[in-house]
Amino acid sequence: MEMTTSYRYEVTAPREATLRRALAHQKASIRETELLAIDQAKVKETAKKHQIAKWNETTEEKKILRRYKETMTKELKSARTQLLNARRENLKRLLAEEKKKYGLELEELGLTYFVCISSVESKW
């Protein structure tokens, strides 16, 4: 029994070469899978960074547009106020001119008009 046992370890296995090739192929396959996983992780990280950069960019654009819109709103409000004030001044001027003209016409006819300015108290 000792002979067969020792002989078994001394003789090379007939399938050893095939087994070594299979193991080498398996190691190469595992290495390739690991490299592919690393590449996929890099792609995911790059995509994530790109997405964050794009989000930051659009957020900044939205802030700029919001500021621009606020500025435009303020400018339009100011322009409306100035236009309203100009219209009021023109209306006051026209009414004063008409009042003066009407007074001159009445004076030429020998008539007068009476302007009553009083505070009217409400009954309520």
N, C-alpha and C. Protein backbone atom coordinates (compact mmCIF):
# COMPACT_ATOMS: atom_id res chain seq x y z
N MET A 1 0.80 -1.17 0.00
CA MET A 1 0.00 0.00 0.00
C MET A 1 0.86 1.25 0.00
N GLU A 2 1.97 1.13 0.62
CA GLU A 2 2.85 2.29 0.63
C GLU A 2 3.33 2.62 -0.77
N MET A 3 3.53 1.66 -1.58
CA MET A 3 4.01 1.89 -2.93
C MET A 3 2.98 2.62 -3.77
N THR A 4 1.78 2.20 -3.66
CA THR A 4 0.75 2.83 -4.48
C THR A 4 0.49 4.25 -4.02
N THR A 5 0.57 4.45 -2.73
CA THR A 5 0.33 5.79 -2.20
C THR A 5 1.42 6.74 -2.66
N SER A 6 2.66 6.34 -2.52
CA SER A 6 3.74 7.22 -2.92
C SER A 6 3.78 7.36 -4.44
N TYR A 7 3.45 6.31 -5.14
CA TYR A 7 3.44 6.35 -6.59
C TYR A 7 2.39 7.33 -7.09
N ARG A 8 1.30 7.38 -6.39
CA ARG A 8 0.22 8.27 -6.79
C ARG A 8 0.69 9.72 -6.78
N TYR A 9 1.50 10.13 -5.82
CA TYR A 9 1.98 11.51 -5.74
C TYR A 9 3.13 11.79 -6.69
N GLU A 10 3.84 10.79 -7.10
CA GLU A 10 4.98 10.98 -7.99
C GLU A 10 4.56 11.08 -9.45
N VAL A 11 3.51 10.44 -9.82
CA VAL A 11 3.09 10.43 -11.21
C VAL A 11 2.25 11.69 -11.46
N THR A 12 2.53 12.34 -12.58
CA THR A 12 1.71 13.51 -12.94
C THR A 12 0.37 13.04 -13.44
N ALA A 13 -0.62 13.80 -13.09
CA ALA A 13 -1.98 13.43 -13.51
C ALA A 13 -2.13 13.66 -15.00
N PRO A 14 -2.79 12.74 -15.68
CA PRO A 14 -2.93 12.89 -17.12
C PRO A 14 -3.77 14.12 -17.50
N ARG A 15 -4.64 14.62 -16.62
CA ARG A 15 -5.49 15.78 -16.93
C ARG A 15 -4.93 17.08 -16.35
N GLU A 16 -3.73 17.04 -15.87
CA GLU A 16 -3.16 18.22 -15.22
C GLU A 16 -3.04 19.40 -16.17
N ALA A 17 -2.62 19.19 -17.38
CA ALA A 17 -2.46 20.27 -18.35
C ALA A 17 -3.82 20.90 -18.67
N THR A 18 -4.82 20.05 -18.84
CA THR A 18 -6.16 20.55 -19.12
C THR A 18 -6.68 21.35 -17.92
N LEU A 19 -6.43 20.82 -16.73
CA LEU A 19 -6.86 21.50 -15.52
C LEU A 19 -6.16 22.85 -15.37
N ARG A 20 -4.87 22.89 -15.67
CA ARG A 20 -4.15 24.16 -15.58
C ARG A 20 -4.67 25.17 -16.60
N ARG A 21 -4.96 24.72 -17.80
CA ARG A 21 -5.52 25.62 -18.81
C ARG A 21 -6.88 26.14 -18.38
N ALA A 22 -7.69 25.25 -17.81
CA ALA A 22 -9.02 25.65 -17.35
C ALA A 22 -8.91 26.67 -16.22
N LEU A 23 -7.98 26.43 -15.29
CA LEU A 23 -7.79 27.37 -14.19
C LEU A 23 -7.26 28.72 -14.71
N ALA A 24 -6.35 28.67 -15.67
CA ALA A 24 -5.81 29.90 -16.25
C ALA A 24 -6.93 30.68 -16.95
N HIS A 25 -7.77 29.95 -17.68
CA HIS A 25 -8.91 30.59 -18.36
C HIS A 25 -9.87 31.19 -17.34
N GLN A 26 -10.11 30.47 -16.25
CA GLN A 26 -11.01 30.96 -15.20
C GLN A 26 -10.43 32.22 -14.56
N LYS A 27 -9.11 32.23 -14.26
CA LYS A 27 -8.47 33.41 -13.69
C LYS A 27 -8.56 34.60 -14.64
N ALA A 28 -8.33 34.35 -15.93
CA ALA A 28 -8.42 35.43 -16.93
C ALA A 28 -9.84 35.97 -17.01
N SER A 29 -10.81 35.07 -16.95
CA SER A 29 -12.21 35.48 -16.99
C SER A 29 -12.57 36.32 -15.76
N ILE A 30 -12.09 35.87 -14.60
CA ILE A 30 -12.35 36.62 -13.36
C ILE A 30 -11.70 38.00 -13.44
N ARG A 31 -10.47 38.07 -13.92
CA ARG A 31 -9.76 39.35 -14.06
C ARG A 31 -10.49 40.27 -15.03
N GLU A 32 -10.95 39.69 -16.14
CA GLU A 32 -11.68 40.49 -17.13
C GLU A 32 -12.99 41.03 -16.54
N THR A 33 -13.68 40.21 -15.77
CA THR A 33 -14.92 40.64 -15.11
C THR A 33 -14.64 41.75 -14.11
N GLU A 34 -13.55 41.61 -13.35
CA GLU A 34 -13.18 42.65 -12.38
C GLU A 34 -12.86 43.96 -13.08
N LEU A 35 -12.08 43.89 -14.19
CA LEU A 35 -11.75 45.09 -14.94
C LEU A 35 -13.01 45.74 -15.52
N LEU A 36 -13.93 44.92 -16.00
CA LEU A 36 -15.19 45.43 -16.54
C LEU A 36 -16.00 46.12 -15.44
N ALA A 37 -16.02 45.53 -14.26
CA ALA A 37 -16.74 46.14 -13.12
C ALA A 37 -16.11 47.48 -12.74
N ILE A 38 -14.77 47.55 -12.78
CA ILE A 38 -14.08 48.81 -12.46
C ILE A 38 -14.43 49.87 -13.51
N ASP A 39 -14.42 49.46 -14.78
CA ASP A 39 -14.77 50.40 -15.85
C ASP A 39 -16.21 50.88 -15.71
N GLN A 40 -17.12 49.98 -15.39
CA GLN A 40 -18.51 50.37 -15.20
C GLN A 40 -18.66 51.32 -14.03
N ALA A 41 -17.92 51.11 -12.96
CA ALA A 41 -17.95 52.01 -11.80
C ALA A 41 -17.46 53.40 -12.20
N LYS A 42 -16.39 53.44 -13.02
CA LYS A 42 -15.87 54.72 -13.49
C LYS A 42 -16.90 55.44 -14.37
N VAL A 43 -17.57 54.69 -15.24
CA VAL A 43 -18.59 55.28 -16.10
C VAL A 43 -19.74 55.83 -15.26
N LYS A 44 -20.17 55.06 -14.26
CA LYS A 44 -21.25 55.53 -13.38
C LYS A 44 -20.84 56.79 -12.63
N GLU A 45 -19.62 56.83 -12.13
CA GLU A 45 -19.13 58.01 -11.41
C GLU A 45 -19.07 59.22 -12.33
N THR A 46 -18.58 59.02 -13.55
CA THR A 46 -18.52 60.11 -14.52
C THR A 46 -19.92 60.61 -14.85
N ALA A 47 -20.85 59.70 -15.06
CA ALA A 47 -22.23 60.09 -15.36
C ALA A 47 -22.84 60.85 -14.20
N LYS A 48 -22.55 60.42 -12.99
CA LYS A 48 -23.06 61.10 -11.80
C LYS A 48 -22.50 62.52 -11.71
N LYS A 49 -21.19 62.66 -11.94
CA LYS A 49 -20.56 63.99 -11.92
C LYS A 49 -21.16 64.88 -13.01
N HIS A 50 -21.38 64.31 -14.19
CA HIS A 50 -21.98 65.07 -15.29
C HIS A 50 -23.38 65.53 -14.92
N GLN A 51 -24.14 64.64 -14.33
CA GLN A 51 -25.50 64.99 -13.93
C GLN A 51 -25.50 66.10 -12.88
N ILE A 52 -24.60 66.04 -11.91
CA ILE A 52 -24.51 67.08 -10.88
C ILE A 52 -24.10 68.41 -11.52
N ALA A 53 -23.14 68.37 -12.43
CA ALA A 53 -22.70 69.59 -13.10
C ALA A 53 -23.84 70.20 -13.92
N LYS A 54 -24.58 69.36 -14.60
CA LYS A 54 -25.71 69.85 -15.41
C LYS A 54 -26.78 70.45 -14.50
N TRP A 55 -27.05 69.80 -13.38
CA TRP A 55 -28.04 70.31 -12.44
C TRP A 55 -27.60 71.67 -11.89
N ASN A 56 -26.31 71.78 -11.52
CA ASN A 56 -25.79 73.05 -11.03
C ASN A 56 -25.90 74.14 -12.09
N GLU A 57 -25.60 73.76 -13.33
CA GLU A 57 -25.67 74.72 -14.43
C GLU A 57 -27.10 75.21 -14.64
N THR A 58 -28.05 74.29 -14.66
CA THR A 58 -29.44 74.69 -14.87
C THR A 58 -29.96 75.49 -13.68
N THR A 59 -29.51 75.14 -12.48
CA THR A 59 -29.91 75.89 -11.29
C THR A 59 -29.39 77.32 -11.39
N GLU A 60 -28.15 77.48 -11.82
CA GLU A 60 -27.56 78.82 -11.96
C GLU A 60 -28.30 79.60 -13.05
N GLU A 61 -28.64 78.93 -14.15
CA GLU A 61 -29.40 79.59 -15.21
C GLU A 61 -30.76 80.05 -14.70
N LYS A 62 -31.40 79.20 -13.90
CA LYS A 62 -32.70 79.57 -13.35
C LYS A 62 -32.58 80.78 -12.43
N LYS A 63 -31.51 80.81 -11.62
CA LYS A 63 -31.29 81.96 -10.74
C LYS A 63 -31.11 83.23 -11.55
N ILE A 64 -30.32 83.15 -12.61
CA ILE A 64 -30.08 84.32 -13.46
C ILE A 64 -31.38 84.77 -14.11
N LEU A 65 -32.15 83.82 -14.63
CA LEU A 65 -33.43 84.17 -15.26
C LEU A 65 -34.39 84.78 -14.25
N ARG A 66 -34.41 84.25 -13.03
CA ARG A 66 -35.30 84.79 -12.00
C ARG A 66 -34.89 86.23 -11.65
N ARG A 67 -33.57 86.46 -11.51
CA ARG A 67 -33.10 87.83 -11.23
C ARG A 67 -33.46 88.77 -12.37
N TYR A 68 -33.28 88.30 -13.61
CA TYR A 68 -33.61 89.11 -14.78
C TYR A 68 -35.10 89.43 -14.79
N LYS A 69 -35.93 88.45 -14.48
CA LYS A 69 -37.37 88.65 -14.46
C LYS A 69 -37.76 89.65 -13.36
N GLU A 70 -37.14 89.51 -12.17
CA GLU A 70 -37.42 90.45 -11.09
C GLU A 70 -37.02 91.87 -11.48
N THR A 71 -35.86 92.00 -12.11
CA THR A 71 -35.40 93.32 -12.56
C THR A 71 -36.36 93.90 -13.58
N MET A 72 -36.78 93.09 -14.53
CA MET A 72 -37.73 93.55 -15.56
C MET A 72 -39.05 93.96 -14.93
N THR A 73 -39.51 93.20 -13.94
CA THR A 73 -40.77 93.53 -13.27
C THR A 73 -40.65 94.87 -12.56
N LYS A 74 -39.54 95.09 -11.87
CA LYS A 74 -39.33 96.37 -11.17
C LYS A 74 -39.26 97.52 -12.16
N GLU A 75 -38.54 97.31 -13.26
CA GLU A 75 -38.43 98.36 -14.28
C GLU A 75 -39.79 98.68 -14.89
N LEU A 76 -40.59 97.65 -15.19
CA LEU A 76 -41.92 97.88 -15.75
C LEU A 76 -42.82 98.61 -14.76
N LYS A 77 -42.73 98.25 -13.49
CA LYS A 77 -43.53 98.92 -12.47
C LYS A 77 -43.13 100.39 -12.37
N SER A 78 -41.83 100.64 -12.39
CA SER A 78 -41.35 102.02 -12.34
C SER A 78 -41.80 102.80 -13.57
N ALA A 79 -41.73 102.18 -14.74
CA ALA A 79 -42.15 102.84 -15.98
C ALA A 79 -43.65 103.15 -15.94
N ARG A 80 -44.45 102.22 -15.43
CA ARG A 80 -45.89 102.46 -15.32
C ARG A 80 -46.17 103.63 -14.37
N THR A 81 -45.46 103.66 -13.26
CA THR A 81 -45.64 104.74 -12.29
C THR A 81 -45.28 106.08 -12.92
N GLN A 82 -44.16 106.14 -13.62
CA GLN A 82 -43.74 107.38 -14.28
C GLN A 82 -44.75 107.80 -15.34
N LEU A 83 -45.26 106.84 -16.11
CA LEU A 83 -46.25 107.14 -17.13
C LEU A 83 -47.53 107.66 -16.50
N LEU A 84 -47.96 107.04 -15.42
CA LEU A 84 -49.16 107.49 -14.72
C LEU A 84 -48.98 108.91 -14.18
N ASN A 85 -47.83 109.18 -13.59
CA ASN A 85 -47.55 110.52 -13.09
C ASN A 85 -47.54 111.55 -14.22
N ALA A 86 -46.94 111.19 -15.35
CA ALA A 86 -46.91 112.10 -16.50
C ALA A 86 -48.33 112.36 -17.01
N ARG A 87 -49.15 111.32 -17.08
CA ARG A 87 -50.54 111.50 -17.52
C ARG A 87 -51.31 112.41 -16.56
N ARG A 88 -51.11 112.20 -15.26
CA ARG A 88 -51.79 113.05 -14.27
C ARG A 88 -51.38 114.51 -14.44
N GLU A 89 -50.08 114.75 -14.61
CA GLU A 89 -49.61 116.12 -14.79
C GLU A 89 -50.20 116.74 -16.06
N ASN A 90 -50.22 115.98 -17.14
CA ASN A 90 -50.81 116.49 -18.38
C ASN A 90 -52.30 116.77 -18.21
N LEU A 91 -53.00 115.89 -17.52
CA LEU A 91 -54.42 116.09 -17.28
C LEU A 91 -54.66 117.33 -16.42
N LYS A 92 -53.85 117.51 -15.36
CA LYS A 92 -53.97 118.70 -14.52
C LYS A 92 -53.73 119.96 -15.35
N ARG A 93 -52.70 119.91 -16.20
CA ARG A 93 -52.40 121.06 -17.06
C ARG A 93 -53.54 121.35 -18.01
N LEU A 94 -54.08 120.32 -18.64
CA LEU A 94 -55.21 120.50 -19.57
C LEU A 94 -56.44 121.05 -18.85
N LEU A 95 -56.73 120.53 -17.67
CA LEU A 95 -57.88 121.02 -16.91
C LEU A 95 -57.69 122.47 -16.49
N ALA A 96 -56.47 122.84 -16.11
CA ALA A 96 -56.20 124.23 -15.76
C ALA A 96 -56.37 125.14 -16.97
N GLU A 97 -55.87 124.67 -18.12
CA GLU A 97 -56.02 125.46 -19.36
C GLU A 97 -57.49 125.62 -19.73
N GLU A 98 -58.27 124.54 -19.65
CA GLU A 98 -59.70 124.60 -19.96
C GLU A 98 -60.44 125.52 -19.00
N LYS A 99 -60.08 125.44 -17.73
CA LYS A 99 -60.71 126.31 -16.72
C LYS A 99 -60.42 127.77 -17.03
N LYS A 100 -59.15 128.05 -17.38
CA LYS A 100 -58.77 129.41 -17.72
C LYS A 100 -59.51 129.88 -18.97
N LYS A 101 -59.56 129.01 -19.98
CA LYS A 101 -60.24 129.35 -21.24
C LYS A 101 -61.73 129.57 -21.01
N TYR A 102 -62.34 128.69 -20.21
CA TYR A 102 -63.76 128.81 -19.89
C TYR A 102 -64.03 130.11 -19.13
N GLY A 103 -63.14 130.44 -18.20
CA GLY A 103 -63.28 131.71 -17.46
C GLY A 103 -63.19 132.90 -18.38
N LEU A 104 -62.25 132.87 -19.36
CA LEU A 104 -62.12 133.98 -20.31
C LEU A 104 -63.36 134.11 -21.18
N GLU A 105 -63.91 132.99 -21.64
CA GLU A 105 -65.13 133.01 -22.46
C GLU A 105 -66.29 133.61 -21.67
N LEU A 106 -66.45 133.19 -20.42
CA LEU A 106 -67.53 133.74 -19.59
C LEU A 106 -67.32 135.23 -19.34
N GLU A 107 -66.07 135.63 -19.15
CA GLU A 107 -65.76 137.04 -18.92
C GLU A 107 -66.11 137.88 -20.14
N GLU A 108 -65.82 137.34 -21.35
CA GLU A 108 -66.16 138.05 -22.58
C GLU A 108 -67.67 138.22 -22.72
N LEU A 109 -68.43 137.24 -22.23
CA LEU A 109 -69.89 137.32 -22.28
C LEU A 109 -70.45 138.15 -21.13
N GLY A 110 -69.60 138.52 -20.21
CA GLY A 110 -70.03 139.31 -19.07
C GLY A 110 -70.61 138.46 -17.96
N LEU A 111 -70.29 137.22 -17.94
CA LEU A 111 -70.78 136.31 -16.91
C LEU A 111 -69.64 135.91 -15.97
N THR A 112 -70.05 135.41 -14.83
CA THR A 112 -69.06 134.90 -13.89
C THR A 112 -69.46 133.50 -13.44
N TYR A 113 -68.56 132.82 -12.84
CA TYR A 113 -68.88 131.51 -12.27
C TYR A 113 -68.34 131.46 -10.87
N PHE A 114 -69.00 130.67 -10.08
CA PHE A 114 -68.66 130.57 -8.67
C PHE A 114 -68.18 129.15 -8.39
N VAL A 115 -67.04 129.02 -7.78
CA VAL A 115 -66.49 127.73 -7.42
C VAL A 115 -66.64 127.58 -5.91
N CYS A 116 -67.38 126.57 -5.51
CA CYS A 116 -67.62 126.33 -4.09
C CYS A 116 -66.75 125.16 -3.65
N ILE A 117 -65.89 125.43 -2.73
CA ILE A 117 -65.05 124.38 -2.17
C ILE A 117 -65.47 124.20 -0.73
N SER A 118 -66.09 123.07 -0.45
CA SER A 118 -66.51 122.80 0.93
C SER A 118 -66.30 121.32 1.22
N SER A 119 -66.15 121.06 2.45
CA SER A 119 -66.03 119.66 2.83
C SER A 119 -67.42 119.11 3.10
N VAL A 120 -67.75 118.06 2.47
CA VAL A 120 -69.06 117.45 2.64
C VAL A 120 -68.92 116.36 3.65
N GLU A 121 -69.70 116.45 4.72
CA GLU A 121 -69.67 115.42 5.74
C GLU A 121 -70.68 114.36 5.38
N SER A 122 -70.31 113.15 5.55
CA SER A 122 -71.24 112.07 5.25
C SER A 122 -72.21 111.90 6.42
N LYS A 123 -73.40 111.45 6.07
CA LYS A 123 -74.43 111.26 7.09
C LYS A 123 -74.28 109.92 7.79
N TRP A 124 -73.41 109.16 7.35
CA TRP A 124 -73.28 107.81 7.91
C TRP A 124 -72.40 107.87 9.08
